[in-house]
Amino acid sequence: MMKILHVIPSLSPVRGGPSQALLEMVQAQRQQGIDAVVATTNDHGDTTFSAPFGQRIDSGSIPELVGPSVPVWIFPRVLSQRSALREFAIAPALAPWLWRHVPDFDLVHIHAIFNYPTTMAMAVAKARGVPYVVRPIGSLCRWSLEQGRTKKQIYLNTVGRRLLAASEALHFTTVQEQQEALEAGFDGANFILPHGVQVPAVLSHARQQLRAELKIPADHQILLFLSRLHPKKGIEHLIDALANVPEENVTLVIAGRGDSSYETAINQRILMAGLSEKIRQIGFVSGEWKNLLLQGSDLFVLPSYSENLGIAVLEAMAAGLPVITTLEVAISPLIQTHQTGLVTTAHPPALAMSIQHYLHHPDLAGRDGQNGRTLVETQFSWPTQAARLTEQYARLTQQKTEAFPISDGAEPSKVLLS
């Protein structure tokens, strides 16, 4: 049985789609006979959660985590008042654990870069001669590299590029992500494989039930923004676009949480635009409530500046929603090719025009929504994607190269110097 260790800085739902996707990935792999486990920290955004540390437990036993229950090892993240240190997710107890246990696995699959857990995972796997794959989760895309550019360049020029180059491959989720990484000079071995998505069973009365739950008139069209609240998601443009949609029977539902100061800024923008009556903010959603929201809405909108894939867009398509998004969302070519929605710019008038297109043509909205569900069922189901990922693992472990010779007694803190 193949043994795979996944390392990610956080499984907290406040960190967005990648954390949820990893839980689903591991579940799908285990269902196909792979002994897959996760090592991570107790990060929960600006705070941490309580969990038994340094022992194998089920993620489902941790109330703060949502999604499938899979085996996880949790390590305490250092709390700090400095946001940069919080984001780096320093977890000192993780390094010695990795040093002892990484050789027990056939391959290490590392998710994200520019943080302590994944940096140590790359360094230890390299030193111990265990092949590893790095999924950047958009970290090497143009927009992301420009955020905190100086710090990221220092990281890349000291340890980052060397550790990434030593990986068996970079795991990209779209051609666009691969191309932007190539433009940034990351031209090593790689493969492209999108996430899978769980296709929900159809809820027959979702539309009526959602309006009853949110106390929205039965004849209102619901536009849905479901994502982490972050400046790159373009929610400001969507709010401004709504001001340009004259139809009265339209309600925008904003589902997601973010930094408290950013949420305050969004609230102020809604008030200044006079849109309080047309917008409902419902915070973070998951499970059955999230499923109802996706299936009961009429249109999904994500005017993001940068998405290496766009998991929320795929989830909306799986639920049968037509989608409106931007060219910067890497799945946009598939949306255009398979007619599952509209791809536009984040400019508010353009967004407003796309929204009105579907409001005025409900037949096209229904057709594109069904196209999206069909596309996800045929190309993005988790069983299909998990099987493809297993094939990649088998290929990469067969071509395993020799590790740099580091003594078994080397201090974990020194492997970065190898």
Protein backbone atom coordinates (compact mmCIF):
# COMPACT_ATOMS: atom_id res chain seq x y z
CA MET A 1 0.00 0.00 0.00
CA MET A 2 1.38 3.39 -1.00
CA LYS A 3 1.89 5.78 1.94
CA ILE A 4 1.52 9.51 1.29
CA LEU A 5 2.12 12.37 3.73
CA HIS A 6 0.37 15.64 2.95
CA VAL A 7 1.72 18.78 4.61
CA ILE A 8 -0.24 22.05 4.69
CA PRO A 9 0.09 25.05 7.04
CA SER A 10 -3.60 25.08 7.95
CA LEU A 11 -6.79 23.08 7.55
CA SER A 12 -8.92 25.89 8.95
CA PRO A 13 -11.94 26.77 6.80
CA VAL A 14 -11.11 30.47 7.28
CA ARG A 15 -8.11 29.88 4.98
CA GLY A 16 -10.41 29.19 2.04
CA GLY A 17 -10.86 26.45 -0.53
CA PRO A 18 -7.41 24.77 -0.54
CA SER A 19 -7.86 23.49 3.02
CA GLN A 20 -11.27 22.01 2.23
CA ALA A 21 -9.96 20.55 -1.04
CA LEU A 22 -7.11 18.78 0.74
CA LEU A 23 -9.48 17.03 3.16
CA GLU A 24 -11.55 15.84 0.20
CA MET A 25 -8.40 14.79 -1.67
CA VAL A 26 -7.16 12.68 1.24
CA GLN A 27 -10.58 11.10 1.72
CA ALA A 28 -10.73 10.15 -1.98
CA GLN A 29 -7.22 8.71 -1.86
CA ARG A 30 -7.99 6.60 1.20
CA GLN A 31 -11.13 5.29 -0.50
CA GLN A 32 -8.88 4.11 -3.34
CA GLY A 33 -6.49 2.23 -1.06
CA ILE A 34 -3.83 4.90 -0.45
CA ASP A 35 -2.65 5.33 3.15
CA ALA A 36 -2.80 9.13 3.08
CA VAL A 37 -2.47 11.32 6.19
CA VAL A 38 -2.03 15.04 6.87
CA ALA A 39 0.46 16.96 9.01
CA THR A 40 -0.55 20.54 9.81
CA THR A 41 -0.82 23.16 12.55
CA ASN A 42 -3.66 24.33 14.76
CA ASP A 43 -3.88 27.59 12.82
CA HIS A 44 -7.35 29.13 12.74
CA GLY A 45 -6.74 32.52 11.14
CA ASP A 46 -5.90 35.07 13.82
CA THR A 47 -6.34 32.42 16.52
CA THR A 48 -5.68 28.71 17.10
CA PHE A 49 -7.85 25.74 18.03
CA SER A 50 -7.34 23.10 20.70
CA ALA A 51 -6.38 19.58 19.67
CA PRO A 52 -4.24 16.67 20.90
CA PHE A 53 -0.77 17.50 19.63
CA GLY A 54 1.76 15.13 18.11
CA GLN A 55 -0.57 12.16 17.74
CA ARG A 56 -2.67 10.75 14.94
CA ILE A 57 -6.31 11.78 15.29
CA ASP A 58 -9.34 12.20 13.04
CA SER A 59 -9.94 15.69 11.69
CA GLY A 60 -13.65 15.18 12.37
CA SER A 61 -12.94 15.27 16.09
CA ILE A 62 -11.90 18.94 15.83
CA PRO A 63 -15.00 21.20 15.89
CA GLU A 64 -13.30 24.04 13.99
CA LEU A 65 -12.57 21.84 10.96
CA VAL A 66 -15.27 21.10 8.40
CA GLY A 67 -15.43 18.51 5.69
CA PRO A 68 -14.47 14.82 5.56
CA SER A 69 -12.85 13.18 8.57
CA VAL A 70 -9.33 11.98 7.73
CA PRO A 71 -6.20 11.10 9.76
CA VAL A 72 -4.24 14.20 10.81
CA TRP A 73 -1.26 15.11 12.96
CA ILE A 74 -1.64 18.54 14.56
CA PHE A 75 1.23 20.71 15.84
CA PRO A 76 0.87 23.98 17.79
CA ARG A 77 1.48 27.17 15.87
CA VAL A 78 3.35 29.97 17.67
CA LEU A 79 0.95 32.77 18.57
CA SER A 80 2.20 36.23 17.69
CA GLN A 81 0.80 39.74 17.55
CA ARG A 82 2.75 40.31 14.34
CA SER A 83 0.71 39.35 11.30
CA ALA A 84 3.78 38.29 9.30
CA LEU A 85 4.76 35.74 11.94
CA ARG A 86 1.18 34.49 12.22
CA GLU A 87 1.02 33.95 8.47
CA PHE A 88 4.37 32.09 8.48
CA ALA A 89 2.76 29.58 10.89
CA ILE A 90 5.87 28.68 12.90
CA ALA A 91 5.38 25.31 14.60
CA PRO A 92 8.67 24.20 16.23
CA ALA A 93 7.43 20.73 17.22
CA LEU A 94 6.71 19.87 13.59
CA ALA A 95 10.36 19.80 12.46
CA PRO A 96 11.60 16.93 14.68
CA TRP A 97 8.44 14.95 13.91
CA LEU A 98 9.07 15.33 10.18
CA TRP A 99 12.68 14.27 10.64
CA ARG A 100 11.63 11.05 12.37
CA HIS A 101 8.62 10.15 10.23
CA VAL A 102 9.14 11.40 6.67
CA PRO A 103 11.19 8.23 5.80
CA ASP A 104 8.09 6.18 6.65
CA PHE A 105 6.33 7.51 3.56
CA ASP A 106 6.73 6.83 -0.15
CA LEU A 107 6.14 10.47 -1.08
CA VAL A 108 5.40 13.82 0.57
CA HIS A 109 2.80 16.05 -1.08
CA ILE A 110 3.34 19.64 0.07
CA HIS A 111 0.59 22.26 -0.27
CA ALA A 112 1.54 25.97 -0.42
CA ILE A 113 4.89 27.71 0.05
CA PHE A 114 6.14 30.82 1.91
CA ASN A 115 5.45 29.29 5.34
CA TYR A 116 7.26 27.31 8.02
CA PRO A 117 5.47 23.91 7.82
CA THR A 118 5.92 23.45 4.09
CA THR A 119 9.44 24.87 4.07
CA MET A 120 10.48 22.35 6.72
CA ALA A 121 8.67 19.56 4.87
CA MET A 122 10.59 20.32 1.68
CA ALA A 123 13.90 20.58 3.52
CA VAL A 124 13.44 17.38 5.50
CA ALA A 125 12.19 15.35 2.53
CA LYS A 126 15.17 16.58 0.49
CA ALA A 127 17.62 15.69 3.26
CA ARG A 128 16.05 12.29 3.94
CA GLY A 129 15.90 11.29 0.29
CA VAL A 130 12.12 11.01 0.12
CA PRO A 131 10.53 12.32 -3.10
CA TYR A 132 8.23 15.28 -2.69
CA VAL A 133 5.72 17.16 -4.79
CA VAL A 134 4.83 20.82 -4.21
CA ARG A 135 1.41 22.25 -5.00
CA PRO A 136 1.95 26.05 -4.88
CA ILE A 137 -1.79 26.86 -4.61
CA GLY A 138 -1.27 29.97 -6.73
CA SER A 139 1.73 31.22 -4.72
CA LEU A 140 3.85 31.43 -7.89
CA CYS A 141 1.24 33.31 -9.90
CA ARG A 142 1.86 36.88 -10.97
CA TRP A 143 -0.58 38.57 -8.58
CA SER A 144 0.53 36.57 -5.56
CA LEU A 145 4.25 37.20 -6.14
CA GLU A 146 3.58 40.95 -6.18
CA GLN A 147 2.00 40.85 -2.70
CA GLY A 148 4.76 41.28 -0.12
CA ARG A 149 7.21 41.13 -3.00
CA THR A 150 10.38 41.92 -1.03
CA LYS A 151 9.81 39.25 1.62
CA LYS A 152 8.96 36.65 -0.98
CA GLN A 153 12.04 37.43 -3.06
CA ILE A 154 14.25 37.07 0.01
CA TYR A 155 12.64 33.71 0.77
CA LEU A 156 13.03 32.47 -2.80
CA ASN A 157 16.62 33.68 -3.14
CA THR A 158 17.75 32.08 0.14
CA VAL A 159 16.01 28.70 0.37
CA GLY A 160 12.85 28.71 -1.72
CA ARG A 161 14.11 28.23 -5.26
CA ARG A 162 16.57 25.53 -4.21
CA LEU A 163 13.93 23.55 -2.35
CA LEU A 164 11.38 23.89 -5.15
CA ALA A 165 13.98 22.82 -7.72
CA ALA A 166 14.75 19.68 -5.67
CA SER A 167 11.12 18.52 -5.78
CA GLU A 168 10.13 15.69 -8.07
CA ALA A 169 7.54 18.01 -9.61
CA LEU A 170 5.39 21.06 -9.05
CA HIS A 171 1.69 20.28 -9.02
CA PHE A 172 -0.29 22.94 -10.87
CA THR A 173 -4.06 22.89 -11.16
CA THR A 174 -4.44 24.78 -14.46
CA VAL A 175 -2.46 25.71 -17.55
CA GLN A 176 -2.64 29.38 -16.53
CA GLU A 177 -1.02 28.66 -13.17
CA GLN A 178 1.71 26.69 -14.91
CA GLN A 179 2.37 29.47 -17.44
CA GLU A 180 2.59 32.21 -14.80
CA ALA A 181 5.02 30.12 -12.76
CA LEU A 182 7.10 29.55 -15.89
CA GLU A 183 7.17 33.30 -16.54
CA ALA A 184 8.53 33.75 -13.00
CA GLY A 185 11.39 31.35 -13.71
CA PHE A 186 10.01 28.13 -12.22
CA ASP A 187 10.63 25.84 -15.17
CA GLY A 188 11.34 22.49 -13.52
CA ALA A 189 9.40 19.26 -13.77
CA ASN A 190 5.67 19.70 -13.26
CA PHE A 191 2.25 18.30 -14.00
CA ILE A 192 -1.25 19.78 -14.26
CA LEU A 193 -4.09 18.18 -12.35
CA PRO A 194 -7.10 20.12 -11.02
CA HIS A 195 -8.82 19.41 -7.74
CA GLY A 196 -11.82 17.19 -7.65
CA VAL A 197 -15.21 18.44 -6.52
CA GLN A 198 -17.99 16.64 -4.72
CA VAL A 199 -21.15 16.65 -6.84
CA PRO A 200 -24.14 17.12 -4.49
CA ALA A 201 -27.43 15.29 -4.70
CA VAL A 202 -30.14 17.56 -6.08
CA LEU A 203 -32.29 19.32 -3.45
CA SER A 204 -35.77 19.47 -4.94
CA HIS A 205 -37.02 22.51 -3.01
CA ALA A 206 -33.76 24.41 -2.52
CA ARG A 207 -34.98 27.62 -4.13
CA GLN A 208 -38.05 27.99 -1.92
CA GLN A 209 -36.27 26.80 1.22
CA LEU A 210 -33.37 29.23 0.84
CA ARG A 211 -35.66 32.22 0.43
CA ALA A 212 -37.64 31.15 3.48
CA GLU A 213 -34.46 30.74 5.56
CA LEU A 214 -33.09 34.16 4.54
CA LYS A 215 -36.48 35.88 4.52
CA ILE A 216 -36.04 36.92 0.91
CA PRO A 217 -39.17 37.42 -1.24
CA ALA A 218 -40.06 34.36 -3.30
CA ASP A 219 -39.78 36.24 -6.60
CA HIS A 220 -36.25 37.59 -5.96
CA GLN A 221 -33.25 36.44 -7.98
CA ILE A 222 -30.33 35.59 -5.69
CA LEU A 223 -26.78 36.43 -6.72
CA LEU A 224 -24.25 34.50 -4.67
CA PHE A 225 -20.72 35.50 -3.69
CA LEU A 226 -19.26 32.59 -1.72
CA SER A 227 -15.58 32.92 -0.92
CA ARG A 228 -13.07 34.05 1.65
CA LEU A 229 -13.35 37.82 2.08
CA HIS A 230 -10.03 39.09 0.80
CA PRO A 231 -9.07 42.06 -1.41
CA LYS A 232 -8.07 39.79 -4.29
CA LYS A 233 -11.61 38.38 -4.55
CA GLY A 234 -12.98 41.63 -6.01
CA ILE A 235 -16.06 41.91 -3.79
CA GLU A 236 -15.86 45.72 -3.96
CA HIS A 237 -16.40 45.57 -7.72
CA LEU A 238 -19.41 43.32 -7.27
CA ILE A 239 -20.96 45.72 -4.77
CA ASP A 240 -20.40 48.61 -7.18
CA ALA A 241 -21.83 46.52 -10.02
CA LEU A 242 -24.99 45.84 -8.04
CA ALA A 243 -25.53 49.59 -7.80
CA ASN A 244 -25.69 49.55 -11.62
CA VAL A 245 -28.36 46.82 -11.73
CA PRO A 246 -31.70 48.65 -11.64
CA GLU A 247 -33.86 45.56 -11.19
CA GLU A 248 -35.50 45.67 -7.76
CA ASN A 249 -36.08 41.94 -7.36
CA VAL A 250 -32.39 41.06 -6.97
CA THR A 251 -30.60 40.17 -3.72
CA LEU A 252 -26.86 39.65 -3.37
CA VAL A 253 -25.90 37.12 -0.70
CA ILE A 254 -22.31 37.40 0.56
CA ALA A 255 -21.12 34.21 2.25
CA GLY A 256 -17.64 34.24 3.77
CA ARG A 257 -15.43 35.71 6.45
CA GLY A 258 -12.16 37.62 6.38
CA ASP A 259 -9.97 39.95 8.36
CA SER A 260 -12.12 42.05 10.70
CA SER A 261 -10.81 45.37 9.38
CA TYR A 262 -11.54 44.30 5.81
CA GLU A 263 -15.05 43.17 6.74
CA THR A 264 -15.63 46.59 8.32
CA ALA A 265 -14.49 48.28 5.11
CA ILE A 266 -16.91 46.14 3.08
CA ASN A 267 -19.79 47.03 5.42
CA GLN A 268 -19.02 50.72 5.01
CA ARG A 269 -18.95 50.38 1.24
CA ILE A 270 -22.38 48.74 1.26
CA LEU A 271 -23.80 51.52 3.43
CA MET A 272 -22.29 54.29 1.29
CA ALA A 273 -23.72 52.68 -1.85
CA GLY A 274 -27.19 52.55 -0.26
CA LEU A 275 -27.43 48.80 -0.87
CA SER A 276 -28.21 47.53 2.61
CA GLU A 277 -31.67 46.36 1.48
CA LYS A 278 -30.28 44.44 -1.49
CA ILE A 279 -27.38 42.66 0.22
CA ARG A 280 -27.39 39.93 2.86
CA GLN A 281 -24.15 39.04 4.65
CA ILE A 282 -24.35 35.63 6.26
CA GLY A 283 -20.72 34.88 7.19
CA PHE A 284 -18.96 31.54 6.83
CA VAL A 285 -21.05 28.60 5.65
CA SER A 286 -20.38 24.89 5.37
CA GLY A 287 -22.07 21.51 5.07
CA GLU A 288 -25.81 21.33 4.38
CA TRP A 289 -26.23 25.09 4.72
CA LYS A 290 -23.60 25.70 2.05
CA ASN A 291 -25.21 23.11 -0.21
CA LEU A 292 -28.61 24.76 0.19
CA LEU A 293 -27.09 28.15 -0.58
CA LEU A 294 -25.46 26.91 -3.77
CA GLN A 295 -28.50 25.05 -5.05
CA GLY A 296 -31.04 27.67 -4.02
CA SER A 297 -29.33 30.67 -5.63
CA ASP A 298 -29.72 31.75 -9.24
CA LEU A 299 -26.27 33.00 -10.19
CA PHE A 300 -22.72 32.76 -8.82
CA VAL A 301 -20.32 35.73 -9.17
CA LEU A 302 -16.59 35.81 -8.34
CA PRO A 303 -14.77 38.84 -9.86
CA SER A 304 -11.36 37.77 -8.54
CA TYR A 305 -7.98 39.30 -9.42
CA SER A 306 -6.22 35.92 -9.20
CA GLU A 307 -7.26 32.28 -8.73
CA ASN A 308 -4.95 29.39 -9.56
CA LEU A 309 -8.09 27.31 -10.12
CA GLY A 310 -11.23 28.68 -8.47
CA ILE A 311 -12.61 25.93 -6.22
CA ALA A 312 -15.69 27.96 -5.32
CA VAL A 313 -16.47 28.36 -9.02
CA LEU A 314 -16.26 24.59 -9.50
CA GLU A 315 -18.54 24.04 -6.51
CA ALA A 316 -21.09 26.43 -7.97
CA MET A 317 -20.96 24.61 -11.29
CA ALA A 318 -21.39 21.26 -9.51
CA ALA A 319 -24.57 22.68 -7.95
CA GLY A 320 -25.91 23.69 -11.37
CA LEU A 321 -25.35 27.45 -11.06
CA PRO A 322 -24.30 29.57 -14.05
CA VAL A 323 -21.16 31.49 -13.10
CA ILE A 324 -19.76 34.93 -13.82
CA THR A 325 -16.06 35.40 -13.25
CA THR A 326 -12.96 37.09 -14.63
CA LEU A 327 -10.13 36.16 -16.96
CA GLU A 328 -7.81 36.06 -13.95
CA VAL A 329 -9.64 32.99 -12.63
CA ALA A 330 -7.64 30.18 -14.19
CA ILE A 331 -10.63 27.97 -14.94
CA SER A 332 -12.13 30.69 -17.16
CA PRO A 333 -11.11 29.03 -20.48
CA LEU A 334 -13.16 25.95 -19.54
CA ILE A 335 -16.10 28.15 -18.61
CA GLN A 336 -16.00 29.70 -22.07
CA THR A 337 -15.40 26.44 -23.94
CA HIS A 338 -18.18 24.50 -22.21
CA GLN A 339 -20.60 27.44 -21.90
CA THR A 340 -21.01 27.19 -18.15
CA GLY A 341 -21.08 30.95 -17.57
CA LEU A 342 -19.70 34.31 -18.61
CA VAL A 343 -16.11 35.56 -18.35
CA THR A 344 -15.71 39.32 -18.11
CA THR A 345 -13.58 41.96 -16.41
CA ALA A 346 -13.89 43.12 -12.80
CA HIS A 347 -14.99 46.55 -14.06
CA PRO A 348 -18.39 47.19 -12.39
CA PRO A 349 -20.30 48.15 -15.58
CA ALA A 350 -19.08 44.97 -17.28
CA LEU A 351 -20.08 42.88 -14.28
CA ALA A 352 -23.49 44.56 -14.18
CA MET A 353 -24.04 43.82 -17.88
CA SER A 354 -23.21 40.13 -17.38
CA ILE A 355 -25.53 39.89 -14.40
CA GLN A 356 -28.37 41.48 -16.34
CA HIS A 357 -27.74 39.12 -19.25
CA TYR A 358 -28.72 36.18 -17.07
CA LEU A 359 -31.51 38.04 -15.27
CA HIS A 360 -33.13 38.78 -18.64
CA HIS A 361 -32.47 35.31 -20.13
CA PRO A 362 -33.36 32.69 -17.49
CA ASP A 363 -33.41 29.98 -20.18
CA LEU A 364 -29.72 30.61 -20.91
CA ALA A 365 -28.99 30.65 -17.19
CA GLY A 366 -30.59 27.21 -16.84
CA ARG A 367 -28.72 25.83 -19.84
CA ASP A 368 -25.33 27.11 -18.67
CA GLY A 369 -25.96 25.87 -15.14
CA GLN A 370 -26.67 22.37 -16.43
CA ASN A 371 -23.58 22.53 -18.64
CA GLY A 372 -21.52 23.29 -15.56
CA ARG A 373 -22.88 20.37 -13.57
CA THR A 374 -22.24 18.02 -16.49
CA LEU A 375 -18.68 19.28 -16.86
CA VAL A 376 -17.91 18.71 -13.18
CA GLU A 377 -19.49 15.25 -13.19
CA THR A 378 -17.43 14.12 -16.18
CA GLN A 379 -14.08 15.83 -15.57
CA PHE A 380 -13.77 16.90 -11.93
CA SER A 381 -15.23 14.15 -9.76
CA TRP A 382 -12.96 13.16 -6.86
CA PRO A 383 -12.72 9.46 -7.80
CA THR A 384 -11.45 10.44 -11.24
CA GLN A 385 -8.97 13.03 -9.98
CA ALA A 386 -7.71 10.82 -7.14
CA ALA A 387 -6.97 8.00 -9.59
CA ARG A 388 -5.06 10.40 -11.85
CA LEU A 389 -3.08 11.69 -8.89
CA THR A 390 -2.16 8.14 -7.86
CA GLU A 391 -0.80 7.58 -11.37
CA GLN A 392 1.39 10.67 -10.95
CA TYR A 393 2.66 9.41 -7.58
CA ALA A 394 3.59 6.04 -9.08
CA ARG A 395 5.47 7.69 -11.93
CA LEU A 396 7.34 10.07 -9.65
CA THR A 397 8.35 7.48 -7.06
CA GLN A 398 9.72 5.26 -9.81
CA GLN A 399 12.08 8.02 -10.91
CA LYS A 400 13.21 8.87 -7.38
CA THR A 401 16.68 10.41 -7.32
CA GLU A 402 19.34 10.04 -4.64
CA ALA A 403 19.10 12.39 -1.68
CA PHE A 404 21.85 14.68 -0.52
CA PRO A 405 23.86 12.72 2.10
CA ILE A 406 22.81 14.01 5.51
CA SER A 407 23.52 12.02 8.66
CA ASP A 408 20.50 10.50 10.42
CA GLY A 409 21.63 12.41 13.47
CA ALA A 410 21.52 15.84 11.83
CA GLU A 411 19.55 18.50 13.65
CA PRO A 412 16.21 19.18 11.89
CA SER A 413 16.89 22.91 12.15
CA LYS A 414 20.04 22.49 10.02
CA VAL A 415 18.55 20.70 7.03
CA LEU A 416 17.82 24.03 5.33
CA LEU A 417 21.57 24.43 4.94
CA SER A 418 22.02 21.21 2.96
